[in-house]
Amino acid sequence: MRIPRDAVLLRIFIGEDDKFEHKPLYEAIVLKAREQKLGGATVLRGPIGFGHSSVLHTTKILRLSADLPIVIEIVDAPDKIEAFLPVLDAMMPSGLVTLEKVQVLQYGEQRNGA
């Protein structure tokens, strides 16, 4: 699989407790991205954050359910990311989705001369 140099970064902000079909939403998104043969996905868990409700979610010990912030990042060709957006929209009840133009400098196989 090859990602073009001029690509798009899809960044998805959700809560750790968000679900899709009885499984964690972040897991469902990653599995769907893999099924759609996107370049790859990374899930990042944040120790603190807040969203549109302004409720602070944190790893403080006294909290039983922190619903910590989760960020999923996916990089691929613009057309592949665009094709994934309707699938993502159907999976997410709420959250924030951003797109950025990025340049891919290295992916997969080693560069020539490396």
PDB file of N, CA and C in Angstrom:
ATOM      1  N   MET A   1       0.849  -1.176   0.000  1.00  0.00           N
ATOM      2  CA  MET A   1       0.000   0.000   0.000  1.00  0.00           C
ATOM      3  C   MET A   1       0.893   1.237   0.000  1.00  0.00           C
ATOM      4  N   ARG A   2       0.513   2.197  -0.770  1.00  0.00           N
ATOM      5  CA  ARG A   2       1.306   3.421  -0.901  1.00  0.00           C
ATOM      6  C   ARG A   2       0.429   4.631  -0.588  1.00  0.00           C
ATOM      7  N   ILE A   3       0.909   5.496   0.276  1.00  0.00           N
ATOM      8  CA  ILE A   3       0.228   6.759   0.563  1.00  0.00           C
ATOM      9  C   ILE A   3       0.941   7.838  -0.227  1.00  0.00           C
ATOM     10  N   PRO A   4       0.208   8.677  -0.962  1.00  0.00           N
ATOM     11  CA  PRO A   4       0.867   9.729  -1.737  1.00  0.00           C
ATOM     12  C   PRO A   4       1.510  10.774  -0.835  1.00  0.00           C
ATOM     13  N   ARG A   5       2.497  11.461  -1.354  1.00  0.00           N
ATOM     14  CA  ARG A   5       3.170  12.513  -0.584  1.00  0.00           C
ATOM     15  C   ARG A   5       2.179  13.569  -0.105  1.00  0.00           C
ATOM     16  N   ASP A   6       1.301  14.004  -0.989  1.00  0.00           N
ATOM     17  CA  ASP A   6       0.258  14.961  -0.602  1.00  0.00           C
ATOM     18  C   ASP A   6      -0.957  14.174  -0.138  1.00  0.00           C
ATOM     19  N   ALA A   7      -1.174  14.163   1.159  1.00  0.00           N
ATOM     20  CA  ALA A   7      -2.210  13.333   1.775  1.00  0.00           C
ATOM     21  C   ALA A   7      -3.092  14.185   2.688  1.00  0.00           C
ATOM     22  N   VAL A   8      -4.004  13.511   3.380  1.00  0.00           N
ATOM     23  CA  VAL A   8      -4.906  14.176   4.323  1.00  0.00           C
ATOM     24  C   VAL A   8      -4.835  13.443   5.651  1.00  0.00           C
ATOM     25  N   LEU A   9      -4.787  14.219   6.728  1.00  0.00           N
ATOM     26  CA  LEU A   9      -4.855  13.684   8.088  1.00  0.00           C
ATOM     27  C   LEU A   9      -6.284  13.859   8.584  1.00  0.00           C
ATOM     28  N   LEU A  10      -6.915  12.756   8.883  1.00  0.00           N
ATOM     29  CA  LEU A  10      -8.245  12.747   9.486  1.00  0.00           C
ATOM     30  C   LEU A  10      -8.034  12.567  10.983  1.00  0.00           C
ATOM     31  N   ARG A  11      -8.534  13.503  11.767  1.00  0.00           N
ATOM     32  CA  ARG A  11      -8.378  13.440  13.223  1.00  0.00           C
ATOM     33  C   ARG A  11      -9.771  13.421  13.832  1.00  0.00           C
ATOM     34  N   ILE A  12     -10.023  12.439  14.688  1.00  0.00           N
ATOM     35  CA  ILE A  12     -11.340  12.215  15.274  1.00  0.00           C
ATOM     36  C   ILE A  12     -11.219  12.319  16.792  1.00  0.00           C
ATOM     37  N   PHE A  13     -11.999  13.220  17.390  1.00  0.00           N
ATOM     38  CA  PHE A  13     -11.989  13.428  18.840  1.00  0.00           C
ATOM     39  C   PHE A  13     -13.289  12.859  19.414  1.00  0.00           C
ATOM     40  N   ILE A  14     -13.168  11.872  20.301  1.00  0.00           N
ATOM     41  CA  ILE A  14     -14.336  11.256  20.925  1.00  0.00           C
ATOM     42  C   ILE A  14     -14.016  10.987  22.391  1.00  0.00           C
ATOM     43  N   GLY A  15     -14.979  10.431  23.109  1.00  0.00           N
ATOM     44  CA  GLY A  15     -14.772  10.024  24.492  1.00  0.00           C
ATOM     45  C   GLY A  15     -14.521   8.530  24.582  1.00  0.00           C
ATOM     46  N   GLU A  16     -13.761   8.135  25.571  1.00  0.00           N
ATOM     47  CA  GLU A  16     -13.413   6.735  25.764  1.00  0.00           C
ATOM     48  C   GLU A  16     -14.650   5.853  25.971  1.00  0.00           C
ATOM     49  N   ASP A  17     -15.697   6.400  26.538  1.00  0.00           N
ATOM     50  CA  ASP A  17     -16.908   5.629  26.825  1.00  0.00           C
ATOM     51  C   ASP A  17     -17.870   5.551  25.638  1.00  0.00           C
ATOM     52  N   ASP A  18     -17.603   6.265  24.539  1.00  0.00           N
ATOM     53  CA  ASP A  18     -18.485   6.226  23.368  1.00  0.00           C
ATOM     54  C   ASP A  18     -18.497   4.820  22.778  1.00  0.00           C
ATOM     55  N   LYS A  19     -19.682   4.375  22.352  1.00  0.00           N
ATOM     56  CA  LYS A  19     -19.850   3.018  21.841  1.00  0.00           C
ATOM     57  C   LYS A  19     -20.454   3.037  20.434  1.00  0.00           C
ATOM     58  N   PHE A  20     -20.189   1.947  19.701  1.00  0.00           N
ATOM     59  CA  PHE A  20     -20.845   1.679  18.423  1.00  0.00           C
ATOM     60  C   PHE A  20     -21.119   0.180  18.379  1.00  0.00           C
ATOM     61  N   GLU A  21     -22.386  -0.161  18.297  1.00  0.00           N
ATOM     62  CA  GLU A  21     -22.795  -1.566  18.282  1.00  0.00           C
ATOM     63  C   GLU A  21     -22.161  -2.356  19.425  1.00  0.00           C
ATOM     64  N   HIS A  22     -22.245  -1.817  20.626  1.00  0.00           N
ATOM     65  CA  HIS A  22     -21.821  -2.461  21.873  1.00  0.00           C
ATOM     66  C   HIS A  22     -20.310  -2.649  22.024  1.00  0.00           C
ATOM     67  N   LYS A  23     -19.514  -1.991  21.182  1.00  0.00           N
ATOM     68  CA  LYS A  23     -18.060  -2.049  21.364  1.00  0.00           C
ATOM     69  C   LYS A  23     -17.543  -0.616  21.417  1.00  0.00           C
ATOM     70  N   PRO A  24     -16.339  -0.414  21.962  1.00  0.00           N
ATOM     71  CA  PRO A  24     -15.799   0.948  22.020  1.00  0.00           C
ATOM     72  C   PRO A  24     -15.756   1.570  20.614  1.00  0.00           C
ATOM     73  N   LEU A  25     -16.214   2.816  20.522  1.00  0.00           N
ATOM     74  CA  LEU A  25     -16.271   3.503  19.229  1.00  0.00           C
ATOM     75  C   LEU A  25     -14.888   3.590  18.596  1.00  0.00           C
ATOM     76  N   TYR A  26     -13.860   3.862  19.390  1.00  0.00           N
ATOM     77  CA  TYR A  26     -12.514   3.981  18.816  1.00  0.00           C
ATOM     78  C   TYR A  26     -12.079   2.665  18.169  1.00  0.00           C
ATOM     79  N   GLU A  27     -12.431   1.551  18.786  1.00  0.00           N
ATOM     80  CA  GLU A  27     -12.098   0.251  18.217  1.00  0.00           C
ATOM     81  C   GLU A  27     -12.878   0.007  16.924  1.00  0.00           C
ATOM     82  N   ALA A  28     -14.156   0.335  16.928  1.00  0.00           N
ATOM     83  CA  ALA A  28     -14.992   0.151  15.740  1.00  0.00           C
ATOM     84  C   ALA A  28     -14.483   0.994  14.574  1.00  0.00           C
ATOM     85  N   ILE A  29     -14.047   2.226  14.857  1.00  0.00           N
ATOM     86  CA  ILE A  29     -13.522   3.098  13.804  1.00  0.00           C
ATOM     87  C   ILE A  29     -12.244   2.526  13.211  1.00  0.00           C
ATOM     88  N   VAL A  30     -11.337   2.077  14.067  1.00  0.00           N
ATOM     89  CA  VAL A  30     -10.070   1.509  13.579  1.00  0.00           C
ATOM     90  C   VAL A  30     -10.334   0.258  12.736  1.00  0.00           C
ATOM     91  N   LEU A  31     -11.217  -0.602  13.189  1.00  0.00           N
ATOM     92  CA  LEU A  31     -11.530  -1.813  12.430  1.00  0.00           C
ATOM     93  C   LEU A  31     -12.177  -1.478  11.081  1.00  0.00           C
ATOM     94  N   LYS A  32     -13.043  -0.469  11.064  1.00  0.00           N
ATOM     95  CA  LYS A  32     -13.677  -0.050   9.814  1.00  0.00           C
ATOM     96  C   LYS A  32     -12.649   0.578   8.876  1.00  0.00           C
ATOM     97  N   ALA A  33     -11.725   1.356   9.400  1.00  0.00           N
ATOM     98  CA  ALA A  33     -10.663   1.953   8.574  1.00  0.00           C
ATOM     99  C   ALA A  33      -9.798   0.851   7.963  1.00  0.00           C
ATOM    100  N   ARG A  34      -9.522  -0.171   8.734  1.00  0.00           N
ATOM    101  CA  ARG A  34      -8.739  -1.309   8.222  1.00  0.00           C
ATOM    102  C   ARG A  34      -9.515  -2.044   7.136  1.00  0.00           C
ATOM    103  N   GLU A  35     -10.796  -2.241   7.380  1.00  0.00           N
ATOM    104  CA  GLU A  35     -11.664  -2.896   6.390  1.00  0.00           C
ATOM    105  C   GLU A  35     -11.704  -2.107   5.081  1.00  0.00           C
ATOM    106  N   GLN A  36     -11.673  -0.774   5.190  1.00  0.00           N
ATOM    107  CA  GLN A  36     -11.713   0.096   4.016  1.00  0.00           C
ATOM    108  C   GLN A  36     -10.323   0.257   3.382  1.00  0.00           C
ATOM    109  N   LYS A  37      -9.328  -0.438   3.955  1.00  0.00           N
ATOM    110  CA  LYS A  37      -7.946  -0.437   3.458  1.00  0.00           C
ATOM    111  C   LYS A  37      -7.294   0.953   3.479  1.00  0.00           C
ATOM    112  N   LEU A  38      -7.591   1.713   4.541  1.00  0.00           N
ATOM    113  CA  LEU A  38      -6.919   2.988   4.722  1.00  0.00           C
ATOM    114  C   LEU A  38      -5.487   2.728   5.178  1.00  0.00           C
ATOM    115  N   GLY A  39      -4.629   3.734   5.066  1.00  0.00           N
ATOM    116  CA  GLY A  39      -3.201   3.580   5.299  1.00  0.00           C
ATOM    117  C   GLY A  39      -2.814   3.131   6.689  1.00  0.00           C
ATOM    118  N   GLY A  40      -3.611   3.420   7.680  1.00  0.00           N
ATOM    119  CA  GLY A  40      -3.312   3.054   9.060  1.00  0.00           C
ATOM    120  C   GLY A  40      -4.085   3.964   9.996  1.00  0.00           C
ATOM    121  N   ALA A  41      -4.181   3.569  11.238  1.00  0.00           N
ATOM    122  CA  ALA A  41      -4.897   4.362  12.239  1.00  0.00           C
ATOM    123  C   ALA A  41      -4.166   4.248  13.567  1.00  0.00           C
ATOM    124  N   THR A  42      -4.124   5.331  14.302  1.00  0.00           N
ATOM    125  CA  THR A  42      -3.524   5.351  15.628  1.00  0.00           C
ATOM    126  C   THR A  42      -4.524   5.942  16.604  1.00  0.00           C
ATOM    127  N   VAL A  43      -4.680   5.294  17.758  1.00  0.00           N
ATOM    128  CA  VAL A  43      -5.569   5.777  18.808  1.00  0.00           C
ATOM    129  C   VAL A  43      -4.707   6.325  19.937  1.00  0.00           C
ATOM    130  N   LEU A  44      -4.992   7.562  20.330  1.00  0.00           N
ATOM    131  CA  LEU A  44      -4.271   8.225  21.419  1.00  0.00           C
ATOM    132  C   LEU A  44      -5.255   8.511  22.549  1.00  0.00           C
ATOM    133  N   ARG A  45      -4.850   8.218  23.774  1.00  0.00           N
ATOM    134  CA  ARG A  45      -5.699   8.445  24.947  1.00  0.00           C
ATOM    135  C   ARG A  45      -5.127   9.623  25.732  1.00  0.00           C
ATOM    136  N   GLY A  46      -5.967  10.613  25.964  1.00  0.00           N
ATOM    137  CA  GLY A  46      -5.512  11.804  26.669  1.00  0.00           C
ATOM    138  C   GLY A  46      -5.795  11.741  28.164  1.00  0.00           C
ATOM    139  N   PRO A  47      -4.908  12.294  28.980  1.00  0.00           N
ATOM    140  CA  PRO A  47      -5.116  12.287  30.430  1.00  0.00           C
ATOM    141  C   PRO A  47      -6.117  13.328  30.925  1.00  0.00           C
ATOM    142  N   ILE A  48      -6.417  14.338  30.081  1.00  0.00           N
ATOM    143  CA  ILE A  48      -7.369  15.376  30.487  1.00  0.00           C
ATOM    144  C   ILE A  48      -7.896  16.086  29.239  1.00  0.00           C
ATOM    145  N   GLY A  49      -9.138  16.522  29.302  1.00  0.00           N
ATOM    146  CA  GLY A  49      -9.710  17.257  28.184  1.00  0.00           C
ATOM    147  C   GLY A  49     -11.161  17.627  28.456  1.00  0.00           C
ATOM    148  N   PHE A  50     -11.718  18.457  27.568  1.00  0.00           N
ATOM    149  CA  PHE A  50     -13.143  18.775  27.633  1.00  0.00           C
ATOM    150  C   PHE A  50     -13.622  19.051  26.218  1.00  0.00           C
ATOM    151  N   GLY A  51     -14.924  18.931  26.034  1.00  0.00           N
ATOM    152  CA  GLY A  51     -15.521  19.146  24.720  1.00  0.00           C
ATOM    153  C   GLY A  51     -16.593  20.203  24.765  1.00  0.00           C
ATOM    154  N   HIS A  52     -17.599  20.065  23.889  1.00  0.00           N
ATOM    155  CA  HIS A  52     -18.638  21.087  23.756  1.00  0.00           C
ATOM    156  C   HIS A  52     -19.424  21.299  25.040  1.00  0.00           C
ATOM    157  N   SER A  53     -19.505  20.288  25.906  1.00  0.00           N
ATOM    158  CA  SER A  53     -20.253  20.426  27.167  1.00  0.00           C
ATOM    159  C   SER A  53     -19.452  21.154  28.238  1.00  0.00           C
ATOM    160  N   SER A  54     -18.161  21.341  28.019  1.00  0.00           N
ATOM    161  CA  SER A  54     -17.227  21.958  28.971  1.00  0.00           C
ATOM    162  C   SER A  54     -17.023  21.134  30.237  1.00  0.00           C
ATOM    163  N   VAL A  55     -17.488  19.885  30.243  1.00  0.00           N
ATOM    164  CA  VAL A  55     -17.233  18.992  31.373  1.00  0.00           C
ATOM    165  C   VAL A  55     -15.792  18.508  31.273  1.00  0.00           C
ATOM    166  N   LEU A  56     -15.049  18.654  32.368  1.00  0.00           N
ATOM    167  CA  LEU A  56     -13.647  18.251  32.387  1.00  0.00           C
ATOM    168  C   LEU A  56     -13.548  16.747  32.635  1.00  0.00           C
ATOM    169  N   HIS A  57     -12.837  16.053  31.756  1.00  0.00           N
ATOM    170  CA  HIS A  57     -12.597  14.613  31.893  1.00  0.00           C
ATOM    171  C   HIS A  57     -11.118  14.444  32.221  1.00  0.00           C
ATOM    172  N   THR A  58     -10.850  13.725  33.316  1.00  0.00           N
ATOM    173  CA  THR A  58      -9.483  13.638  33.796  1.00  0.00           C
ATOM    174  C   THR A  58      -9.188  12.274  34.408  1.00  0.00           C
ATOM    175  N   THR A  59      -7.923  11.975  34.611  1.00  0.00           N
ATOM    176  CA  THR A  59      -7.507  10.701  35.211  1.00  0.00           C
ATOM    177  C   THR A  59      -7.416  10.785  36.727  1.00  0.00           C
ATOM    178  N   LYS A  60      -7.975  11.815  37.326  1.00  0.00           N
ATOM    179  CA  LYS A  60      -7.909  11.959  38.787  1.00  0.00           C
ATOM    180  C   LYS A  60      -8.368  10.671  39.466  1.00  0.00           C
ATOM    181  N   ILE A  61      -7.692  10.260  40.511  1.00  0.00           N
ATOM    182  CA  ILE A  61      -7.936   8.986  41.188  1.00  0.00           C
ATOM    183  C   ILE A  61      -9.346   8.878  41.759  1.00  0.00           C
ATOM    184  N   LEU A  62      -9.928   9.956  42.233  1.00  0.00           N
ATOM    185  CA  LEU A  62     -11.228   9.890  42.893  1.00  0.00           C
ATOM    186  C   LEU A  62     -12.391   9.682  41.920  1.00  0.00           C
ATOM    187  N   ARG A  63     -12.149   9.772  40.633  1.00  0.00           N
ATOM    188  CA  ARG A  63     -13.222   9.588  39.656  1.00  0.00           C
ATOM    189  C   ARG A  63     -13.296   8.126  39.246  1.00  0.00           C
ATOM    190  N   LEU A  64     -14.499   7.563  39.249  1.00  0.00           N
ATOM    191  CA  LEU A  64     -14.665   6.167  38.855  1.00  0.00           C
ATOM    192  C   LEU A  64     -14.732   6.009  37.338  1.00  0.00           C
ATOM    193  N   SER A  65     -15.428   6.907  36.671  1.00  0.00           N
ATOM    194  CA  SER A  65     -15.556   6.832  35.224  1.00  0.00           C
ATOM    195  C   SER A  65     -15.089   8.148  34.631  1.00  0.00           C
ATOM    196  N   ALA A  66     -13.889   8.157  34.110  1.00  0.00           N
ATOM    197  CA  ALA A  66     -13.296   9.403  33.636  1.00  0.00           C
ATOM    198  C   ALA A  66     -13.724   9.764  32.219  1.00  0.00           C
ATOM    199  N   ASP A  67     -14.189   8.804  31.408  1.00  0.00           N
ATOM    200  CA  ASP A  67     -14.532   9.042  30.000  1.00  0.00           C
ATOM    201  C   ASP A  67     -13.461   9.911  29.348  1.00  0.00           C
ATOM    202  N   LEU A  68     -12.243   9.427  29.397  1.00  0.00           N
ATOM    203  CA  LEU A  68     -11.097  10.198  28.936  1.00  0.00           C
ATOM    204  C   LEU A  68     -11.171  10.501  27.440  1.00  0.00           C
ATOM    205  N   PRO A  69     -10.505  11.592  27.037  1.00  0.00           N
ATOM    206  CA  PRO A  69     -10.493  11.948  25.617  1.00  0.00           C
ATOM    207  C   PRO A  69      -9.707  10.927  24.799  1.00  0.00           C
ATOM    208  N   ILE A  70     -10.231  10.625  23.634  1.00  0.00           N
ATOM    209  CA  ILE A  70      -9.581   9.724  22.679  1.00  0.00           C
ATOM    210  C   ILE A  70      -9.439  10.483  21.365  1.00  0.00           C
ATOM    211  N   VAL A  71      -8.270  10.375  20.748  1.00  0.00           N
ATOM    212  CA  VAL A  71      -8.029  10.952  19.423  1.00  0.00           C
ATOM    213  C   VAL A  71      -7.601   9.813  18.504  1.00  0.00           C
ATOM    214  N   ILE A  72      -8.256   9.713  17.369  1.00  0.00           N
ATOM    215  CA  ILE A  72      -7.898   8.724  16.357  1.00  0.00           C
ATOM    216  C   ILE A  72      -7.345   9.495  15.168  1.00  0.00           C
ATOM    217  N   GLU A  73      -6.164   9.107  14.708  1.00  0.00           N
ATOM    218  CA  GLU A  73      -5.554   9.756  13.547  1.00  0.00           C
ATOM    219  C   GLU A  73      -5.399   8.752  12.422  1.00  0.00           C
ATOM    220  N   ILE A  74      -5.823   9.178  11.231  1.00  0.00           N
ATOM    221  CA  ILE A  74      -5.720   8.350  10.031  1.00  0.00           C
ATOM    222  C   ILE A  74      -5.163   9.227   8.918  1.00  0.00           C
ATOM    223  N   VAL A  75      -4.131   8.750   8.223  1.00  0.00           N
ATOM    224  CA  VAL A  75      -3.543   9.497   7.105  1.00  0.00           C
ATOM    225  C   VAL A  75      -3.661   8.652   5.851  1.00  0.00           C
ATOM    226  N   ASP A  76      -4.158   9.267   4.770  1.00  0.00           N
ATOM    227  CA  ASP A  76      -4.237   8.567   3.489  1.00  0.00           C
ATOM    228  C   ASP A  76      -4.502   9.595   2.389  1.00  0.00           C
ATOM    229  N   ALA A  77      -4.679   9.079   1.192  1.00  0.00           N
ATOM    230  CA  ALA A  77      -4.961   9.926   0.035  1.00  0.00           C
ATOM    231  C   ALA A  77      -6.290  10.657   0.242  1.00  0.00           C
ATOM    232  N   PRO A  78      -6.399  11.883  -0.272  1.00  0.00           N
ATOM    233  CA  PRO A  78      -7.628  12.654  -0.076  1.00  0.00           C
ATOM    234  C   PRO A  78      -8.897  11.912  -0.502  1.00  0.00           C
ATOM    235  N   ASP A  79      -8.870  11.206  -1.631  1.00  0.00           N
ATOM    236  CA  ASP A  79     -10.073  10.520  -2.099  1.00  0.00           C
ATOM    237  C   ASP A  79     -10.467   9.362  -1.174  1.00  0.00           C
ATOM    238  N   LYS A  80      -9.499   8.674  -0.593  1.00  0.00           N
ATOM    239  CA  LYS A  80      -9.812   7.579   0.325  1.00  0.00           C
ATOM    240  C   LYS A  80     -10.391   8.104   1.639  1.00  0.00           C
ATOM    241  N   ILE A  81      -9.851   9.224   2.111  1.00  0.00           N
ATOM    242  CA  ILE A  81     -10.390   9.828   3.339  1.00  0.00           C
ATOM    243  C   ILE A  81     -11.807  10.342   3.078  1.00  0.00           C
ATOM    244  N   GLU A  82     -12.018  11.011   1.955  1.00  0.00           N
ATOM    245  CA  GLU A  82     -13.364  11.513   1.607  1.00  0.00           C
ATOM    246  C   GLU A  82     -14.371  10.374   1.550  1.00  0.00           C
ATOM    247  N   ALA A  83     -13.984   9.239   0.993  1.00  0.00           N
ATOM    248  CA  ALA A  83     -14.882   8.084   0.897  1.00  0.00           C
ATOM    249  C   ALA A  83     -15.204   7.495   2.270  1.00  0.00           C
ATOM    250  N   PHE A  84     -14.306   7.681   3.234  1.00  0.00           N
ATOM    251  CA  PHE A  84     -14.505   7.151   4.588  1.00  0.00           C
ATOM    252  C   PHE A  84     -15.415   8.045   5.436  1.00  0.00           C
ATOM    253  N   LEU A  85     -15.523   9.307   5.103  1.00  0.00           N
ATOM    254  CA  LEU A  85     -16.290  10.251   5.932  1.00  0.00           C
ATOM    255  C   LEU A  85     -17.755   9.862   6.125  1.00  0.00           C
ATOM    256  N   PRO A  86     -18.510   9.443   5.091  1.00  0.00           N
ATOM    257  CA  PRO A  86     -19.897   9.028   5.326  1.00  0.00           C
ATOM    258  C   PRO A  86     -20.012   7.806   6.242  1.00  0.00           C
ATOM    259  N   VAL A  87     -19.055   6.894   6.152  1.00  0.00           N
ATOM    260  CA  VAL A  87     -19.020   5.719   7.030  1.00  0.00           C
ATOM    261  C   VAL A  87     -18.815   6.178   8.464  1.00  0.00           C
ATOM    262  N   LEU A  88     -17.880   7.067   8.653  1.00  0.00           N
ATOM    263  CA  LEU A  88     -17.584   7.617   9.976  1.00  0.00           C
ATOM    264  C   LEU A  88     -18.786   8.358  10.541  1.00  0.00           C
ATOM    265  N   ASP A  89     -19.443   9.145   9.703  1.00  0.00           N
ATOM    266  CA  ASP A  89     -20.613   9.917  10.131  1.00  0.00           C
ATOM    267  C   ASP A  89     -21.715   9.003  10.667  1.00  0.00           C
ATOM    268  N   ALA A  90     -21.901   7.858  10.041  1.00  0.00           N
ATOM    269  CA  ALA A  90     -22.927   6.910  10.477  1.00  0.00           C
ATOM    270  C   ALA A  90     -22.568   6.238  11.801  1.00  0.00           C
ATOM    271  N   MET A  91     -21.297   6.239  12.161  1.00  0.00           N
ATOM    272  CA  MET A  91     -20.847   5.573  13.385  1.00  0.00           C
ATOM    273  C   MET A  91     -20.834   6.491  14.603  1.00  0.00           C
ATOM    274  N   MET A  92     -20.720   7.801  14.372  1.00  0.00           N
ATOM    275  CA  MET A  92     -20.490   8.744  15.466  1.00  0.00           C
ATOM    276  C   MET A  92     -21.749   9.506  15.859  1.00  0.00           C
ATOM    277  N   PRO A  93     -22.219   9.333  17.089  1.00  0.00           N
ATOM    278  CA  PRO A  93     -23.361  10.127  17.554  1.00  0.00           C
ATOM    279  C   PRO A  93     -22.965  11.574  17.859  1.00  0.00           C
ATOM    280  N   SER A  94     -21.710  11.760  18.252  1.00  0.00           N
ATOM    281  CA  SER A  94     -21.178  13.102  18.533  1.00  0.00           C
ATOM    282  C   SER A  94     -19.668  13.012  18.478  1.00  0.00           C
ATOM    283  N   GLY A  95     -19.014  14.155  18.566  1.00  0.00           N
ATOM    284  CA  GLY A  95     -17.557  14.203  18.514  1.00  0.00           C
ATOM    285  C   GLY A  95     -17.125  15.297  17.563  1.00  0.00           C
ATOM    286  N   LEU A  96     -15.840  15.408  17.386  1.00  0.00           N
ATOM    287  CA  LEU A  96     -15.258  16.421  16.504  1.00  0.00           C
ATOM    288  C   LEU A  96     -14.381  15.713  15.491  1.00  0.00           C
ATOM    289  N   VAL A  97     -14.510  16.088  14.229  1.00  0.00           N
ATOM    290  CA  VAL A  97     -13.707  15.516  13.157  1.00  0.00           C
ATOM    291  C   VAL A  97     -13.024  16.669  12.429  1.00  0.00           C
ATOM    292  N   THR A  98     -11.712  16.558  12.238  1.00  0.00           N
ATOM    293  CA  THR A  98     -10.976  17.586  11.498  1.00  0.00           C
ATOM    294  C   THR A  98     -10.192  16.936  10.366  1.00  0.00           C
ATOM    295  N   LEU A  99      -9.911  17.740   9.350  1.00  0.00           N
ATOM    296  CA  LEU A  99      -9.098  17.311   8.219  1.00  0.00           C
ATOM    297  C   LEU A  99      -7.980  18.319   8.025  1.00  0.00           C
ATOM    298  N   GLU A 100      -6.785  17.824   7.748  1.00  0.00           N
ATOM    299  CA  GLU A 100      -5.638  18.692   7.458  1.00  0.00           C
ATOM    300  C   GLU A 100      -4.895  18.142   6.259  1.00  0.00           C
ATOM    301  N   LYS A 101      -4.434  19.024   5.407  1.00  0.00           N
ATOM    302  CA  LYS A 101      -3.528  18.608   4.339  1.00  0.00           C
ATOM    303  C   LYS A 101      -2.167  18.373   4.977  1.00  0.00           C
ATOM    304  N   VAL A 102      -1.545  17.240   4.630  1.00  0.00           N
ATOM    305  CA  VAL A 102      -0.224  16.911   5.169  1.00  0.00           C
ATOM    306  C   VAL A 102       0.657  16.392   4.045  1.00  0.00           C
ATOM    307  N   GLN A 103       1.952  16.404   4.295  1.00  0.00           N
ATOM    308  CA  GLN A 103       2.900  15.792   3.375  1.00  0.00           C
ATOM    309  C   GLN A 103       3.505  14.576   4.053  1.00  0.00           C
ATOM    310  N   VAL A 104       3.394  13.434   3.395  1.00  0.00           N
ATOM    311  CA  VAL A 104       3.951  12.193   3.912  1.00  0.00           C
ATOM    312  C   VAL A 104       5.398  12.095   3.442  1.00  0.00           C
ATOM    313  N   LEU A 105       6.314  11.999   4.380  1.00  0.00           N
ATOM    314  CA  LEU A 105       7.731  11.930   4.039  1.00  0.00           C
ATOM    315  C   LEU A 105       8.246  10.499   4.015  1.00  0.00           C
ATOM    316  N   GLN A 106       7.628   9.627   4.789  1.00  0.00           N
ATOM    317  CA  GLN A 106       8.075   8.241   4.818  1.00  0.00           C
ATOM    318  C   GLN A 106       6.923   7.370   5.282  1.00  0.00           C
ATOM    319  N   TYR A 107       6.789   6.203   4.640  1.00  0.00           N
ATOM    320  CA  TYR A 107       5.755   5.251   5.036  1.00  0.00           C
ATOM    321  C   TYR A 107       6.135   3.881   4.516  1.00  0.00           C
ATOM    322  N   GLY A 108       6.061   2.888   5.351  1.00  0.00           N
ATOM    323  CA  GLY A 108       6.272   1.517   4.880  1.00  0.00           C
ATOM    324  C   GLY A 108       7.711   1.206   4.547  1.00  0.00           C
ATOM    325  N   GLU A 109       7.939   0.842   3.289  1.00  0.00           N
ATOM    326  CA  GLU A 109       9.259   0.387   2.860  1.00  0.00           C
ATOM    327  C   GLU A 109      10.324   1.440   3.096  1.00  0.00           C
ATOM    328  N   GLN A 110      11.570   0.961   3.218  1.00  0.00           N
ATOM    329  CA  GLN A 110      12.687   1.883   3.387  1.00  0.00           C
ATOM    330  C   GLN A 110      12.911   2.664   2.099  1.00  0.00           C
ATOM    331  N   ARG A 111      13.403   3.884   2.283  1.00  0.00           N
ATOM    332  CA  ARG A 111      13.746   4.706   1.118  1.00  0.00           C
ATOM    333  C   ARG A 111      14.980   4.146   0.426  1.00  0.00           C
ATOM    334  N   ASN A 112      15.152   4.489  -0.840  1.00  0.00           N
ATOM    335  CA  ASN A 112      16.344   4.067  -1.571  1.00  0.00           C
ATOM    336  C   ASN A 112      17.593   4.609  -0.889  1.00  0.00           C
ATOM    337  N   GLY A 113      18.606   3.767  -0.773  1.00  0.00           N
ATOM    338  CA  GLY A 113      19.861   4.191  -0.160  1.00  0.00           C
ATOM    339  C   GLY A 113      19.855   4.127   1.357  1.00  0.00           C
ATOM    340  N   ALA A 114      18.754   3.707   1.963  1.00  0.00           N
ATOM    341  CA  ALA A 114      18.683   3.656   3.423  1.00  0.00           C
ATOM    342  C   ALA A 114      19.266   2.381   3.960  1.00  0.00           C
TER     343      ALA A 114
END
